[in-house]
Amino acid sequence: MLFTTTAYNSQGEALETETQNDSWSACEICLALSEQFGYAETLDLWGRHAGEYGDRPVALGDRVY
C-alpha cells in the first residue's frame, strides 16, 4: 500500500510531501514533518485519512474521515 504524507504551515500551505509504502514509516515521517512544519497528515492510496499530527490549520477545513 502507498501512503502520502503532506506537511503544512499554519496558513494551510503545503510545504513538503513524502511517499512511503510502509505504514509505520509513514507514521514516523508524519510525526517528524509535523514537528518541523506544525501539521502533517497522511493519506492512503485512495485518499483516505491514515493519520495526522500537529494542529490542523483552519484554512484546511474540517477533516473528513
N, C-alpha and C. Protein backbone atom coordinates (compact mmCIF):
# COMPACT_ATOMS: atom_id res chain seq x y z
N MET A 1 0.85 -1.17 0.00
CA MET A 1 0.00 0.00 0.00
C MET A 1 0.89 1.23 0.00
N LEU A 2 0.41 2.29 -0.57
CA LEU A 2 1.15 3.54 -0.68
C LEU A 2 0.52 4.59 0.23
N PHE A 3 1.37 5.33 0.97
CA PHE A 3 0.92 6.39 1.86
C PHE A 3 1.62 7.69 1.48
N THR A 4 0.85 8.78 1.42
CA THR A 4 1.42 10.08 1.10
C THR A 4 1.23 11.00 2.30
N THR A 5 2.32 11.55 2.77
CA THR A 5 2.30 12.47 3.90
C THR A 5 2.62 13.87 3.40
N THR A 6 1.77 14.83 3.78
CA THR A 6 1.96 16.22 3.38
C THR A 6 2.08 17.08 4.63
N ALA A 7 3.08 17.94 4.64
CA ALA A 7 3.29 18.88 5.75
C ALA A 7 2.75 20.24 5.36
N TYR A 8 2.11 20.92 6.32
CA TYR A 8 1.51 22.23 6.09
C TYR A 8 2.01 23.23 7.12
N ASN A 9 2.06 24.50 6.72
CA ASN A 9 2.35 25.55 7.69
C ASN A 9 1.04 26.01 8.33
N SER A 10 1.09 27.00 9.19
CA SER A 10 -0.11 27.44 9.92
C SER A 10 -1.15 28.11 9.03
N GLN A 11 -0.78 28.50 7.80
CA GLN A 11 -1.72 29.09 6.86
C GLN A 11 -2.36 28.03 5.96
N GLY A 12 -2.00 26.76 6.14
CA GLY A 12 -2.57 25.69 5.35
C GLY A 12 -1.88 25.47 4.01
N GLU A 13 -0.69 26.04 3.84
CA GLU A 13 0.05 25.87 2.60
C GLU A 13 0.90 24.60 2.69
N ALA A 14 0.78 23.74 1.66
CA ALA A 14 1.58 22.51 1.63
C ALA A 14 3.04 22.88 1.39
N LEU A 15 3.93 22.37 2.24
CA LEU A 15 5.34 22.71 2.15
C LEU A 15 6.21 21.54 1.71
N GLU A 16 5.79 20.33 2.04
CA GLU A 16 6.60 19.16 1.69
C GLU A 16 5.70 17.94 1.63
N THR A 17 6.01 17.04 0.70
CA THR A 17 5.26 15.79 0.55
C THR A 17 6.23 14.63 0.43
N GLU A 18 5.93 13.56 1.13
CA GLU A 18 6.74 12.34 1.05
C GLU A 18 5.81 11.15 0.87
N THR A 19 6.28 10.18 0.09
CA THR A 19 5.51 8.97 -0.17
C THR A 19 6.26 7.77 0.40
N GLN A 20 5.52 6.86 1.01
CA GLN A 20 6.10 5.69 1.66
C GLN A 20 5.17 4.50 1.46
N ASN A 21 5.73 3.31 1.35
CA ASN A 21 4.87 2.13 1.18
C ASN A 21 4.71 1.32 2.47
N ASP A 22 5.29 1.80 3.56
CA ASP A 22 5.19 1.13 4.85
C ASP A 22 4.41 2.03 5.81
N SER A 23 3.37 1.49 6.43
CA SER A 23 2.52 2.32 7.30
C SER A 23 3.27 2.86 8.51
N TRP A 24 4.16 2.07 9.10
CA TRP A 24 4.89 2.54 10.28
C TRP A 24 5.85 3.67 9.89
N SER A 25 6.55 3.51 8.78
CA SER A 25 7.44 4.57 8.30
C SER A 25 6.66 5.84 7.98
N ALA A 26 5.48 5.69 7.41
CA ALA A 26 4.63 6.84 7.09
C ALA A 26 4.24 7.56 8.38
N CYS A 27 3.96 6.82 9.43
CA CYS A 27 3.61 7.40 10.73
C CYS A 27 4.79 8.20 11.29
N GLU A 28 5.99 7.63 11.21
CA GLU A 28 7.18 8.32 11.70
C GLU A 28 7.49 9.57 10.90
N ILE A 29 7.31 9.50 9.58
CA ILE A 29 7.51 10.66 8.71
C ILE A 29 6.50 11.74 9.05
N CYS A 30 5.25 11.35 9.26
CA CYS A 30 4.20 12.30 9.60
C CYS A 30 4.55 13.05 10.89
N LEU A 31 5.00 12.33 11.90
CA LEU A 31 5.38 12.96 13.16
C LEU A 31 6.55 13.92 12.96
N ALA A 32 7.56 13.49 12.24
CA ALA A 32 8.74 14.33 12.00
C ALA A 32 8.38 15.60 11.24
N LEU A 33 7.54 15.47 10.21
CA LEU A 33 7.15 16.65 9.43
C LEU A 33 6.27 17.60 10.26
N SER A 34 5.43 17.06 11.12
CA SER A 34 4.60 17.93 11.96
C SER A 34 5.46 18.71 12.94
N GLU A 35 6.50 18.09 13.44
CA GLU A 35 7.41 18.79 14.35
C GLU A 35 8.17 19.89 13.63
N GLN A 36 8.46 19.67 12.37
CA GLN A 36 9.21 20.65 11.59
C GLN A 36 8.33 21.79 11.08
N PHE A 37 7.11 21.49 10.63
CA PHE A 37 6.27 22.49 9.97
C PHE A 37 5.00 22.86 10.73
N GLY A 38 4.59 22.10 11.73
CA GLY A 38 3.41 22.44 12.51
C GLY A 38 2.25 21.48 12.35
N TYR A 39 2.06 20.92 11.15
CA TYR A 39 0.97 19.96 10.93
C TYR A 39 1.32 19.07 9.75
N ALA A 40 0.99 17.81 9.87
CA ALA A 40 1.18 16.88 8.76
C ALA A 40 0.06 15.85 8.80
N GLU A 41 -0.36 15.41 7.62
CA GLU A 41 -1.38 14.38 7.53
C GLU A 41 -0.95 13.34 6.51
N THR A 42 -1.40 12.12 6.73
CA THR A 42 -1.08 11.02 5.84
C THR A 42 -2.37 10.47 5.25
N LEU A 43 -2.36 10.27 3.95
CA LEU A 43 -3.49 9.69 3.23
C LEU A 43 -3.03 8.40 2.57
N ASP A 44 -3.94 7.44 2.45
CA ASP A 44 -3.59 6.21 1.76
C ASP A 44 -3.75 6.38 0.25
N LEU A 45 -3.54 5.32 -0.47
CA LEU A 45 -3.58 5.35 -1.93
C LEU A 45 -4.91 5.86 -2.49
N TRP A 46 -6.01 5.65 -1.75
CA TRP A 46 -7.33 6.07 -2.20
C TRP A 46 -7.77 7.41 -1.61
N GLY A 47 -6.83 8.11 -0.96
CA GLY A 47 -7.14 9.42 -0.40
C GLY A 47 -7.84 9.39 0.93
N ARG A 48 -7.84 8.23 1.58
CA ARG A 48 -8.48 8.13 2.89
C ARG A 48 -7.50 8.51 3.99
N HIS A 49 -8.02 9.13 5.04
CA HIS A 49 -7.23 9.56 6.20
C HIS A 49 -6.53 8.36 6.82
N ALA A 50 -5.21 8.48 7.01
CA ALA A 50 -4.43 7.39 7.62
C ALA A 50 -3.65 7.88 8.84
N GLY A 51 -3.75 9.16 9.18
CA GLY A 51 -3.08 9.68 10.36
C GLY A 51 -2.72 11.14 10.22
N GLU A 52 -2.51 11.79 11.36
CA GLU A 52 -2.13 13.20 11.37
C GLU A 52 -1.48 13.54 12.70
N TYR A 53 -0.66 14.56 12.69
CA TYR A 53 -0.03 15.09 13.89
C TYR A 53 -0.02 16.61 13.79
N GLY A 54 -0.07 17.27 14.94
CA GLY A 54 0.02 18.72 14.99
C GLY A 54 -1.35 19.37 15.03
N ASP A 55 -1.33 20.69 14.93
CA ASP A 55 -2.56 21.48 14.95
C ASP A 55 -3.01 21.75 13.52
N ARG A 56 -4.16 21.20 13.13
CA ARG A 56 -4.68 21.35 11.78
C ARG A 56 -5.01 22.82 11.51
N PRO A 57 -4.43 23.40 10.45
CA PRO A 57 -4.72 24.80 10.11
C PRO A 57 -6.20 24.98 9.74
N VAL A 58 -6.78 26.07 10.18
CA VAL A 58 -8.18 26.38 9.90
C VAL A 58 -8.43 26.43 8.38
N ALA A 59 -7.45 26.89 7.62
CA ALA A 59 -7.58 27.02 6.17
C ALA A 59 -7.85 25.68 5.48
N LEU A 60 -7.50 24.57 6.13
CA LEU A 60 -7.73 23.25 5.52
C LEU A 60 -9.15 22.75 5.76
N GLY A 61 -9.89 23.41 6.63
CA GLY A 61 -11.25 22.97 6.94
C GLY A 61 -11.25 21.77 7.85
N ASP A 62 -12.42 21.23 8.07
CA ASP A 62 -12.58 20.07 8.95
C ASP A 62 -12.10 18.80 8.24
N ARG A 63 -11.52 17.90 8.99
CA ARG A 63 -11.06 16.61 8.49
C ARG A 63 -12.26 15.73 8.16
N VAL A 64 -12.30 15.16 6.98
CA VAL A 64 -13.35 14.23 6.60
C VAL A 64 -12.80 12.82 6.78
N TYR A 65 -13.45 12.03 7.63
CA TYR A 65 -12.97 10.67 7.91
C TYR A 65 -13.67 9.65 7.06
